[in-house]
Amino acid sequence: MTGSGRRRAGILLPLFACPSRASWGIGEIGDIAPIARWLSSAGQRVLQLLPLNEMAPGHQSPYTAISAMAIDPIFISVAAVPDFQALGGETAMSAADRGELAAVRAAPHIQHKPVRRLKQSALSAAFDGFMHTEWTRDSERARMFRSFISEQAWWVEPYALFRAIHAHRGERPWTEWPVELQRLEPVAIDGARRELSRQVRFYQYLQWLAATQWRRAS
């Protein structure tokens, strides 16, 4: 019901189940607008999505989130990332990756593992390009990124550090990390932050991309 008492119809769905021809074998943030337009043409007025929070490694359920705030990078529309476009987009990918991308797009079911690998590889290359061409000369986009980090520091800094350590430790549970990291001992945490500074920045970059695309979609 709306405030005026008028009824509205809509749909609840997982974003990953709605890939378009342009997406990389899985529904993405960039697919929200066309989905909404299609629903509107069918007389539907509400689109609700299952959680988009980052899923635990190896999991496919939207209810296995490792963060209450972070958007899963698997939902980033890679083709829309300026830094990926600057590298040449899909045409600049290796022949093997282009072949795998074609395969996941044609697959009857979502191929989570290869989709995640493809996106991780492409976004890692995009990040390297961003750091080289944007970050080093403090461009407008670099300043936007810095603003995001500053505004969202309360969650994105500890999240990115956790993800960097998590990846560095082979994505093993935090209970299997060195005791000093488990206990958040300042010396150990500061050391990890320095050692993994570029990886920490990468995970912040992914969340900036996801948040930027989400704002545009909503």
C-alpha atoms as a PDB file:
ATOM      1  CA  MET A   1       0.000   0.000   0.000  1.00  0.00           C
ATOM      2  CA  THR A   2       1.099   3.567  -0.595  1.00  0.00           C
ATOM      3  CA  GLY A   3       0.333   6.407   1.765  1.00  0.00           C
ATOM      4  CA  SER A   4      -2.721   7.292  -0.334  1.00  0.00           C
ATOM      5  CA  GLY A   5      -4.105   3.792   0.058  1.00  0.00           C
ATOM      6  CA  ARG A   6      -3.523   2.805  -3.582  1.00  0.00           C
ATOM      7  CA  ARG A   7      -2.260  -0.702  -4.172  1.00  0.00           C
ATOM      8  CA  ARG A   8       0.988  -1.295  -6.035  1.00  0.00           C
ATOM      9  CA  ALA A   9       2.291  -4.498  -7.565  1.00  0.00           C
ATOM     10  CA  GLY A  10       5.903  -5.457  -7.980  1.00  0.00           C
ATOM     11  CA  ILE A  11       8.464  -8.204  -7.797  1.00  0.00           C
ATOM     12  CA  LEU A  12      11.162  -9.448  -5.410  1.00  0.00           C
ATOM     13  CA  LEU A  13      14.179 -11.107  -6.992  1.00  0.00           C
ATOM     14  CA  PRO A  14      17.925 -11.732  -6.660  1.00  0.00           C
ATOM     15  CA  LEU A  15      19.860  -9.413  -8.932  1.00  0.00           C
ATOM     16  CA  PHE A  16      22.215 -12.200  -9.955  1.00  0.00           C
ATOM     17  CA  ALA A  17      19.293 -14.004 -11.624  1.00  0.00           C
ATOM     18  CA  CYS A  18      18.675 -11.202 -14.152  1.00  0.00           C
ATOM     19  CA  PRO A  19      21.643 -10.966 -16.516  1.00  0.00           C
ATOM     20  CA  SER A  20      21.330  -8.965 -19.712  1.00  0.00           C
ATOM     21  CA  ARG A  21      23.117  -9.576 -23.008  1.00  0.00           C
ATOM     22  CA  ALA A  22      25.684  -6.953 -22.003  1.00  0.00           C
ATOM     23  CA  SER A  23      26.424  -8.273 -18.515  1.00  0.00           C
ATOM     24  CA  TRP A  24      29.083 -10.840 -17.719  1.00  0.00           C
ATOM     25  CA  GLY A  25      26.972 -13.943 -17.151  1.00  0.00           C
ATOM     26  CA  ILE A  26      25.280 -12.625 -14.022  1.00  0.00           C
ATOM     27  CA  GLY A  27      22.825  -9.867 -13.182  1.00  0.00           C
ATOM     28  CA  GLU A  28      24.685  -6.623 -12.423  1.00  0.00           C
ATOM     29  CA  ILE A  29      24.000  -3.181 -11.019  1.00  0.00           C
ATOM     30  CA  GLY A  30      23.846  -1.875 -14.581  1.00  0.00           C
ATOM     31  CA  ASP A  31      20.943  -4.241 -15.264  1.00  0.00           C
ATOM     32  CA  ILE A  32      18.683  -2.601 -12.664  1.00  0.00           C
ATOM     33  CA  ALA A  33      17.542   0.258 -14.937  1.00  0.00           C
ATOM     34  CA  PRO A  34      16.439  -1.986 -17.838  1.00  0.00           C
ATOM     35  CA  ILE A  35      14.716  -4.354 -15.399  1.00  0.00           C
ATOM     36  CA  ALA A  36      12.854  -1.410 -13.869  1.00  0.00           C
ATOM     37  CA  ARG A  37      11.806  -0.150 -17.306  1.00  0.00           C
ATOM     38  CA  TRP A  38      10.536  -3.591 -18.277  1.00  0.00           C
ATOM     39  CA  LEU A  39       8.555  -3.880 -15.057  1.00  0.00           C
ATOM     40  CA  SER A  40       7.085  -0.423 -15.574  1.00  0.00           C
ATOM     41  CA  SER A  41       5.963  -1.380 -19.078  1.00  0.00           C
ATOM     42  CA  ALA A  42       4.185  -4.382 -17.537  1.00  0.00           C
ATOM     43  CA  GLY A  43       2.347  -2.173 -15.050  1.00  0.00           C
ATOM     44  CA  GLN A  44       4.587  -3.050 -12.092  1.00  0.00           C
ATOM     45  CA  ARG A  45       5.646  -0.273  -9.730  1.00  0.00           C
ATOM     46  CA  VAL A  46       7.912  -1.958  -7.155  1.00  0.00           C
ATOM     47  CA  LEU A  47      11.274  -3.675  -7.591  1.00  0.00           C
ATOM     48  CA  GLN A  48      12.785  -5.264  -4.503  1.00  0.00           C
ATOM     49  CA  LEU A  49      16.169  -6.974  -4.552  1.00  0.00           C
ATOM     50  CA  LEU A  50      17.582  -9.648  -2.301  1.00  0.00           C
ATOM     51  CA  PRO A  51      20.716  -8.537  -0.399  1.00  0.00           C
ATOM     52  CA  LEU A  52      23.666  -7.395  -2.510  1.00  0.00           C
ATOM     53  CA  ASN A  53      26.183  -7.648   0.343  1.00  0.00           C
ATOM     54  CA  GLU A  54      29.454  -9.391  -0.390  1.00  0.00           C
ATOM     55  CA  MET A  55      29.060 -13.142  -0.219  1.00  0.00           C
ATOM     56  CA  ALA A  56      31.582 -15.264   1.629  1.00  0.00           C
ATOM     57  CA  PRO A  57      34.233 -16.826  -0.646  1.00  0.00           C
ATOM     58  CA  GLY A  58      32.891 -19.931  -2.352  1.00  0.00           C
ATOM     59  CA  HIS A  59      29.275 -19.144  -1.462  1.00  0.00           C
ATOM     60  CA  GLN A  60      26.414 -18.189  -3.768  1.00  0.00           C
ATOM     61  CA  SER A  61      23.661 -17.265  -1.317  1.00  0.00           C
ATOM     62  CA  PRO A  62      22.845 -13.575  -0.717  1.00  0.00           C
ATOM     63  CA  TYR A  63      22.433 -14.483   2.946  1.00  0.00           C
ATOM     64  CA  THR A  64      26.080 -15.488   3.491  1.00  0.00           C
ATOM     65  CA  ALA A  65      27.345 -11.908   3.714  1.00  0.00           C
ATOM     66  CA  ILE A  66      30.734 -11.144   5.251  1.00  0.00           C
ATOM     67  CA  SER A  67      29.887  -7.447   5.607  1.00  0.00           C
ATOM     68  CA  ALA A  68      26.785  -5.484   6.499  1.00  0.00           C
ATOM     69  CA  MET A  69      27.870  -2.608   4.257  1.00  0.00           C
ATOM     70  CA  ALA A  70      30.026  -3.841   1.366  1.00  0.00           C
ATOM     71  CA  ILE A  71      28.421  -4.576  -2.003  1.00  0.00           C
ATOM     72  CA  ASP A  72      29.661  -7.773  -3.610  1.00  0.00           C
ATOM     73  CA  PRO A  73      32.068  -6.794  -6.421  1.00  0.00           C
ATOM     74  CA  ILE A  74      30.549  -9.565  -8.554  1.00  0.00           C
ATOM     75  CA  PHE A  75      27.647  -7.149  -9.166  1.00  0.00           C
ATOM     76  CA  ILE A  76      29.853  -4.386 -10.596  1.00  0.00           C
ATOM     77  CA  SER A  77      29.161  -3.719 -14.273  1.00  0.00           C
ATOM     78  CA  VAL A  78      32.750  -4.006 -15.467  1.00  0.00           C
ATOM     79  CA  ALA A  79      32.005  -2.708 -18.965  1.00  0.00           C
ATOM     80  CA  ALA A  80      30.824   0.595 -17.438  1.00  0.00           C
ATOM     81  CA  VAL A  81      34.003   1.179 -15.391  1.00  0.00           C
ATOM     82  CA  PRO A  82      35.951   4.089 -16.970  1.00  0.00           C
ATOM     83  CA  ASP A  83      39.301   2.564 -16.063  1.00  0.00           C
ATOM     84  CA  PHE A  84      38.382  -0.692 -17.815  1.00  0.00           C
ATOM     85  CA  GLN A  85      37.217   1.246 -20.851  1.00  0.00           C
ATOM     86  CA  ALA A  86      40.516   3.158 -20.878  1.00  0.00           C
ATOM     87  CA  LEU A  87      42.371  -0.149 -21.208  1.00  0.00           C
ATOM     88  CA  GLY A  88      40.380  -0.994 -24.336  1.00  0.00           C
ATOM     89  CA  GLY A  89      37.448  -2.797 -22.735  1.00  0.00           C
ATOM     90  CA  GLU A  90      36.602  -6.356 -23.686  1.00  0.00           C
ATOM     91  CA  THR A  91      38.635  -6.159 -26.900  1.00  0.00           C
ATOM     92  CA  ALA A  92      41.814  -5.751 -24.841  1.00  0.00           C
ATOM     93  CA  MET A  93      41.190  -8.894 -22.804  1.00  0.00           C
ATOM     94  CA  SER A  94      43.225 -11.992 -23.551  1.00  0.00           C
ATOM     95  CA  ALA A  95      41.808 -14.467 -26.050  1.00  0.00           C
ATOM     96  CA  ALA A  96      41.346 -16.988 -23.243  1.00  0.00           C
ATOM     97  CA  ASP A  97      39.388 -14.524 -21.116  1.00  0.00           C
ATOM     98  CA  ARG A  98      37.236 -13.432 -24.047  1.00  0.00           C
ATOM     99  CA  GLY A  99      36.451 -17.069 -24.727  1.00  0.00           C
ATOM    100  CA  GLU A 100      35.533 -17.691 -21.103  1.00  0.00           C
ATOM    101  CA  LEU A 101      33.395 -14.543 -21.071  1.00  0.00           C
ATOM    102  CA  ALA A 102      31.489 -15.773 -24.117  1.00  0.00           C
ATOM    103  CA  ALA A 103      31.007 -19.125 -22.385  1.00  0.00           C
ATOM    104  CA  VAL A 104      29.582 -17.697 -19.154  1.00  0.00           C
ATOM    105  CA  ARG A 105      27.272 -15.432 -21.135  1.00  0.00           C
ATOM    106  CA  ALA A 106      25.926 -18.406 -23.078  1.00  0.00           C
ATOM    107  CA  ALA A 107      25.677 -20.762 -20.094  1.00  0.00           C
ATOM    108  CA  PRO A 108      22.132 -21.772 -19.023  1.00  0.00           C
ATOM    109  CA  HIS A 109      23.054 -21.246 -15.364  1.00  0.00           C
ATOM    110  CA  ILE A 110      25.224 -18.706 -13.550  1.00  0.00           C
ATOM    111  CA  GLN A 111      28.838 -19.825 -13.476  1.00  0.00           C
ATOM    112  CA  HIS A 112      29.797 -18.067 -10.256  1.00  0.00           C
ATOM    113  CA  LYS A 113      33.434 -19.153 -10.046  1.00  0.00           C
ATOM    114  CA  PRO A 114      34.529 -18.175 -13.584  1.00  0.00           C
ATOM    115  CA  VAL A 115      32.412 -14.984 -13.460  1.00  0.00           C
ATOM    116  CA  ARG A 116      34.114 -13.944 -10.247  1.00  0.00           C
ATOM    117  CA  ARG A 117      37.553 -14.771 -11.637  1.00  0.00           C
ATOM    118  CA  LEU A 118      36.931 -12.803 -14.831  1.00  0.00           C
ATOM    119  CA  LYS A 119      35.677  -9.774 -12.945  1.00  0.00           C
ATOM    120  CA  GLN A 120      38.493  -9.932 -10.402  1.00  0.00           C
ATOM    121  CA  SER A 121      41.065 -10.009 -13.211  1.00  0.00           C
ATOM    122  CA  ALA A 122      39.455  -7.175 -15.187  1.00  0.00           C
ATOM    123  CA  LEU A 123      38.918  -4.986 -12.134  1.00  0.00           C
ATOM    124  CA  SER A 124      42.454  -5.587 -10.923  1.00  0.00           C
ATOM    125  CA  ALA A 125      43.762  -4.367 -14.281  1.00  0.00           C
ATOM    126  CA  ALA A 126      41.383  -1.393 -14.138  1.00  0.00           C
ATOM    127  CA  PHE A 127      42.668  -0.552 -10.656  1.00  0.00           C
ATOM    128  CA  ASP A 128      46.276  -0.654 -11.820  1.00  0.00           C
ATOM    129  CA  GLY A 129      45.369   1.735 -14.626  1.00  0.00           C
ATOM    130  CA  PHE A 130      43.518   4.030 -12.244  1.00  0.00           C
ATOM    131  CA  MET A 131      46.440   4.189  -9.845  1.00  0.00           C
ATOM    132  CA  HIS A 132      48.852   4.927 -12.674  1.00  0.00           C
ATOM    133  CA  THR A 133      46.835   7.525 -14.585  1.00  0.00           C
ATOM    134  CA  GLU A 134      44.379   9.026 -12.083  1.00  0.00           C
ATOM    135  CA  TRP A 135      45.679   8.581  -8.547  1.00  0.00           C
ATOM    136  CA  THR A 136      49.229   9.736  -9.236  1.00  0.00           C
ATOM    137  CA  ARG A 137      48.118  13.033 -10.790  1.00  0.00           C
ATOM    138  CA  ASP A 138      45.289  13.616  -8.307  1.00  0.00           C
ATOM    139  CA  SER A 139      42.637  13.838 -11.020  1.00  0.00           C
ATOM    140  CA  GLU A 140      38.983  14.688 -10.411  1.00  0.00           C
ATOM    141  CA  ARG A 141      38.123  10.997 -10.223  1.00  0.00           C
ATOM    142  CA  ALA A 142      40.973  10.450  -7.770  1.00  0.00           C
ATOM    143  CA  ARG A 143      39.571  13.217  -5.577  1.00  0.00           C
ATOM    144  CA  MET A 144      36.122  11.625  -5.778  1.00  0.00           C
ATOM    145  CA  PHE A 145      37.666   8.351  -4.647  1.00  0.00           C
ATOM    146  CA  ARG A 146      39.446  10.067  -1.771  1.00  0.00           C
ATOM    147  CA  SER A 147      36.169  11.699  -0.727  1.00  0.00           C
ATOM    148  CA  PHE A 148      34.444   8.321  -0.722  1.00  0.00           C
ATOM    149  CA  ILE A 149      37.174   6.821   1.462  1.00  0.00           C
ATOM    150  CA  SER A 150      36.950   9.765   3.856  1.00  0.00           C
ATOM    151  CA  GLU A 151      33.151   9.831   4.048  1.00  0.00           C
ATOM    152  CA  GLN A 152      32.817   6.072   4.429  1.00  0.00           C
ATOM    153  CA  ALA A 153      35.938   5.543   6.547  1.00  0.00           C
ATOM    154  CA  TRP A 154      33.924   4.250   9.501  1.00  0.00           C
ATOM    155  CA  TRP A 155      33.284   0.994   7.644  1.00  0.00           C
ATOM    156  CA  VAL A 156      35.300   0.898   4.418  1.00  0.00           C
ATOM    157  CA  GLU A 157      38.690   1.149   6.126  1.00  0.00           C
ATOM    158  CA  PRO A 158      38.278  -1.837   8.494  1.00  0.00           C
ATOM    159  CA  TYR A 159      36.431  -3.767   5.784  1.00  0.00           C
ATOM    160  CA  ALA A 160      39.180  -3.250   3.196  1.00  0.00           C
ATOM    161  CA  LEU A 161      41.892  -4.164   5.691  1.00  0.00           C
ATOM    162  CA  PHE A 162      40.005  -7.322   6.646  1.00  0.00           C
ATOM    163  CA  ARG A 163      39.552  -8.308   2.981  1.00  0.00           C
ATOM    164  CA  ALA A 164      43.216  -7.648   2.221  1.00  0.00           C
ATOM    165  CA  ILE A 165      44.364  -9.789   5.153  1.00  0.00           C
ATOM    166  CA  HIS A 166      41.726 -12.405   4.338  1.00  0.00           C
ATOM    167  CA  ALA A 167      42.986 -12.715   0.739  1.00  0.00           C
ATOM    168  CA  HIS A 168      46.620 -12.643   1.859  1.00  0.00           C
ATOM    169  CA  ARG A 169      45.881 -15.523   4.219  1.00  0.00           C
ATOM    170  CA  GLY A 170      44.355 -17.671   1.490  1.00  0.00           C
ATOM    171  CA  GLU A 171      40.810 -16.686   2.538  1.00  0.00           C
ATOM    172  CA  ARG A 172      41.096 -18.852   5.618  1.00  0.00           C
ATOM    173  CA  PRO A 173      38.773 -18.006   8.558  1.00  0.00           C
ATOM    174  CA  TRP A 174      40.040 -15.238  10.827  1.00  0.00           C
ATOM    175  CA  THR A 175      40.198 -17.794  13.641  1.00  0.00           C
ATOM    176  CA  GLU A 176      43.128 -19.372  11.773  1.00  0.00           C
ATOM    177  CA  TRP A 177      45.085 -16.118  11.466  1.00  0.00           C
ATOM    178  CA  PRO A 178      48.049 -15.354  13.738  1.00  0.00           C
ATOM    179  CA  VAL A 179      46.860 -14.698  17.273  1.00  0.00           C
ATOM    180  CA  GLU A 180      48.041 -11.084  17.245  1.00  0.00           C
ATOM    181  CA  LEU A 181      45.783 -10.374  14.249  1.00  0.00           C
ATOM    182  CA  GLN A 182      42.864 -12.208  15.806  1.00  0.00           C
ATOM    183  CA  ARG A 183      43.209 -10.015  18.895  1.00  0.00           C
ATOM    184  CA  LEU A 184      43.552  -6.844  16.783  1.00  0.00           C
ATOM    185  CA  GLU A 185      46.813  -5.984  18.472  1.00  0.00           C
ATOM    186  CA  PRO A 186      47.791  -2.486  17.249  1.00  0.00           C
ATOM    187  CA  VAL A 187      51.334  -3.387  16.202  1.00  0.00           C
ATOM    188  CA  ALA A 188      50.141  -6.344  14.128  1.00  0.00           C
ATOM    189  CA  ILE A 189      47.268  -4.395  12.567  1.00  0.00           C
ATOM    190  CA  ASP A 190      49.506  -1.448  11.686  1.00  0.00           C
ATOM    191  CA  GLY A 191      52.048  -3.813  10.173  1.00  0.00           C
ATOM    192  CA  ALA A 192      49.403  -5.516   8.044  1.00  0.00           C
ATOM    193  CA  ARG A 193      48.048  -2.137   6.938  1.00  0.00           C
ATOM    194  CA  ARG A 194      51.501  -1.068   5.745  1.00  0.00           C
ATOM    195  CA  GLU A 195      52.396  -4.391   4.135  1.00  0.00           C
ATOM    196  CA  LEU A 196      49.063  -4.690   2.315  1.00  0.00           C
ATOM    197  CA  SER A 197      48.445  -1.003   1.605  1.00  0.00           C
ATOM    198  CA  ARG A 198      47.919  -1.464  -2.130  1.00  0.00           C
ATOM    199  CA  GLN A 199      45.557  -4.390  -1.612  1.00  0.00           C
ATOM    200  CA  VAL A 200      43.610  -2.352   0.963  1.00  0.00           C
ATOM    201  CA  ARG A 201      43.281   0.461  -1.574  1.00  0.00           C
ATOM    202  CA  PHE A 202      42.062  -2.064  -4.179  1.00  0.00           C
ATOM    203  CA  TYR A 203      39.191  -3.247  -1.979  1.00  0.00           C
ATOM    204  CA  GLN A 204      38.278   0.375  -1.256  1.00  0.00           C
ATOM    205  CA  TYR A 205      38.333   1.026  -5.012  1.00  0.00           C
ATOM    206  CA  LEU A 206      35.911  -1.835  -5.645  1.00  0.00           C
ATOM    207  CA  GLN A 207      33.474  -0.455  -3.094  1.00  0.00           C
ATOM    208  CA  TRP A 208      33.751   3.022  -4.609  1.00  0.00           C
ATOM    209  CA  LEU A 209      32.897   1.625  -8.040  1.00  0.00           C
ATOM    210  CA  ALA A 210      29.979  -0.364  -6.642  1.00  0.00           C
ATOM    211  CA  ALA A 211      28.625   2.586  -4.650  1.00  0.00           C
ATOM    212  CA  THR A 212      28.938   4.912  -7.655  1.00  0.00           C
ATOM    213  CA  GLN A 213      27.064   2.505  -9.916  1.00  0.00           C
ATOM    214  CA  TRP A 214      24.430   1.896  -7.245  1.00  0.00           C
ATOM    215  CA  ARG A 215      23.734   5.617  -6.867  1.00  0.00           C
ATOM    216  CA  ARG A 216      23.251   5.941 -10.612  1.00  0.00           C
ATOM    217  CA  ALA A 217      20.953   2.928 -10.713  1.00  0.00           C
ATOM    218  CA  SER A 218      18.766   4.089  -7.856  1.00  0.00           C
END
